[in-house]
N, C-alpha and C. Protein backbone atom coordinates (compact mmCIF):
# COMPACT_ATOMS: atom_id res chain seq x y z
N ARG A 1 97.25 99.42 99.25
CA ARG A 1 96.95 98.67 100.35
C ARG A 1 96.74 99.58 101.56
N SER A 2 95.94 99.11 102.53
CA SER A 2 95.65 99.99 103.65
C SER A 2 96.41 99.43 104.95
N LEU A 3 96.53 100.27 105.84
CA LEU A 3 97.16 99.88 107.09
C LEU A 3 96.32 100.55 108.23
N PRO A 4 95.68 99.74 109.14
CA PRO A 4 94.95 100.37 110.19
C PRO A 4 95.80 101.27 111.12
N PHE A 5 95.23 102.28 111.50
CA PHE A 5 95.99 103.31 112.43
C PHE A 5 96.42 102.61 113.66
N ASN A 6 95.69 101.64 114.17
CA ASN A 6 96.05 101.01 115.46
C ASN A 6 97.39 100.22 115.34
N GLN A 7 97.79 99.95 114.16
CA GLN A 7 99.15 99.30 114.00
C GLN A 7 100.30 100.28 113.96
N THR A 8 100.00 101.51 113.97
CA THR A 8 101.08 102.54 114.01
C THR A 8 101.20 103.31 115.28
N LEU A 9 100.46 102.88 116.30
CA LEU A 9 100.42 103.70 117.56
C LEU A 9 101.81 103.75 118.28
N HIS A 10 102.75 103.01 117.92
CA HIS A 10 104.05 102.97 118.57
C HIS A 10 105.03 103.91 117.80
N LEU A 11 104.60 104.42 116.66
CA LEU A 11 105.46 105.27 115.84
C LEU A 11 105.21 106.77 116.09
N PHE A 12 106.22 107.54 116.35
CA PHE A 12 106.10 108.95 116.53
C PHE A 12 107.13 109.58 115.61
N ASN A 13 106.75 110.81 115.15
CA ASN A 13 107.60 111.46 114.18
C ASN A 13 108.30 112.59 114.75
N PRO A 14 109.62 112.55 114.99
CA PRO A 14 110.38 113.65 115.66
C PRO A 14 110.39 114.90 114.75
N TRP A 15 110.04 114.83 113.53
CA TRP A 15 110.04 115.97 112.60
C TRP A 15 108.69 116.62 112.63
N ASN A 16 107.74 116.14 113.50
CA ASN A 16 106.45 116.72 113.70
C ASN A 16 106.12 116.77 115.14
N GLU A 17 107.03 117.39 115.89
CA GLU A 17 106.91 117.62 117.31
C GLU A 17 106.59 116.26 118.11
N ASN A 18 107.21 115.16 117.65
CA ASN A 18 106.97 113.84 118.13
C ASN A 18 105.57 113.41 118.30
N LYS A 19 104.75 113.88 117.37
CA LYS A 19 103.32 113.50 117.28
C LYS A 19 103.24 112.11 116.66
N PRO A 20 102.19 111.36 116.95
CA PRO A 20 102.02 110.03 116.24
C PRO A 20 102.03 110.23 114.79
N VAL A 21 102.58 109.21 114.04
CA VAL A 21 102.68 109.39 112.56
C VAL A 21 101.30 109.53 111.95
N LYS A 22 100.25 109.04 112.54
CA LYS A 22 98.92 109.23 111.96
C LYS A 22 98.42 110.73 111.96
N ILE A 23 99.16 111.50 112.71
CA ILE A 23 98.82 113.00 112.81
C ILE A 23 99.82 113.70 111.95
N GLY A 24 99.24 114.34 110.94
CA GLY A 24 100.07 115.18 110.07
C GLY A 24 99.27 115.62 108.88
N ARG A 25 99.78 116.72 108.26
CA ARG A 25 99.07 117.29 107.04
C ARG A 25 99.63 116.61 105.83
N ASP A 26 98.83 116.76 104.73
CA ASP A 26 99.40 116.28 103.49
C ASP A 26 100.70 116.87 103.20
N GLY A 27 101.64 115.92 102.86
CA GLY A 27 103.04 116.30 102.54
C GLY A 27 103.94 116.41 103.78
N GLN A 28 103.44 115.92 104.90
CA GLN A 28 104.24 116.04 106.15
C GLN A 28 105.46 115.12 105.96
N GLU A 29 106.63 115.72 106.24
CA GLU A 29 107.82 114.96 106.16
C GLU A 29 107.98 114.07 107.40
N ILE A 30 108.53 112.82 107.17
CA ILE A 30 108.64 111.93 108.26
C ILE A 30 110.10 111.51 108.39
N GLU A 31 110.60 111.59 109.64
CA GLU A 31 112.07 111.22 109.82
C GLU A 31 112.32 109.80 109.19
N PRO A 32 113.46 109.62 108.55
CA PRO A 32 113.70 108.44 107.84
C PRO A 32 113.62 107.06 108.53
N ARG A 33 114.10 107.03 109.77
CA ARG A 33 113.92 105.80 110.49
C ARG A 33 112.51 105.46 110.90
N CYS A 34 111.76 106.51 111.12
CA CYS A 34 110.31 106.35 111.40
C CYS A 34 109.60 105.94 110.17
N GLY A 35 109.95 106.53 109.01
CA GLY A 35 109.34 106.22 107.77
C GLY A 35 109.61 104.77 107.31
N GLU A 36 110.86 104.30 107.58
CA GLU A 36 111.22 102.90 107.28
C GLU A 36 110.36 102.05 108.08
N ALA A 37 110.22 102.25 109.40
CA ALA A 37 109.44 101.42 110.23
C ALA A 37 107.97 101.35 109.79
N LEU A 38 107.45 102.57 109.34
CA LEU A 38 106.09 102.60 108.82
C LEU A 38 105.94 101.74 107.58
N CYS A 39 106.89 101.83 106.70
CA CYS A 39 106.81 101.07 105.43
C CYS A 39 106.81 99.57 105.76
N ARG A 40 107.60 99.11 106.78
CA ARG A 40 107.77 97.75 107.01
C ARG A 40 106.38 97.17 107.67
N LEU A 41 105.51 98.01 108.09
CA LEU A 41 104.28 97.56 108.62
C LEU A 41 103.31 97.11 107.52
N PHE A 42 103.49 97.67 106.27
CA PHE A 42 102.60 97.27 105.21
C PHE A 42 102.91 95.85 104.76
N PRO A 43 101.86 95.05 104.40
CA PRO A 43 102.06 93.71 103.92
C PRO A 43 102.88 93.65 102.68
N PRO A 44 103.68 92.67 102.45
CA PRO A 44 104.41 92.65 101.06
C PRO A 44 103.43 92.40 99.96
N ASP A 45 103.85 92.85 98.79
CA ASP A 45 103.13 92.58 97.55
C ASP A 45 103.19 91.08 97.31
N PRO A 46 102.11 90.62 96.70
CA PRO A 46 102.13 89.19 96.34
C PRO A 46 103.06 88.74 95.22
């Protein structure tokens, strides 16, 4: 499933210098609370 970047603009990753979550390299670690919020943005599976 895809998630448009504009739906993540409110999420910042403290483990990457508080940059928006859309900015990061492959394998970038995401702070757990931020990661949970990101996962909740995806639509549920049918």
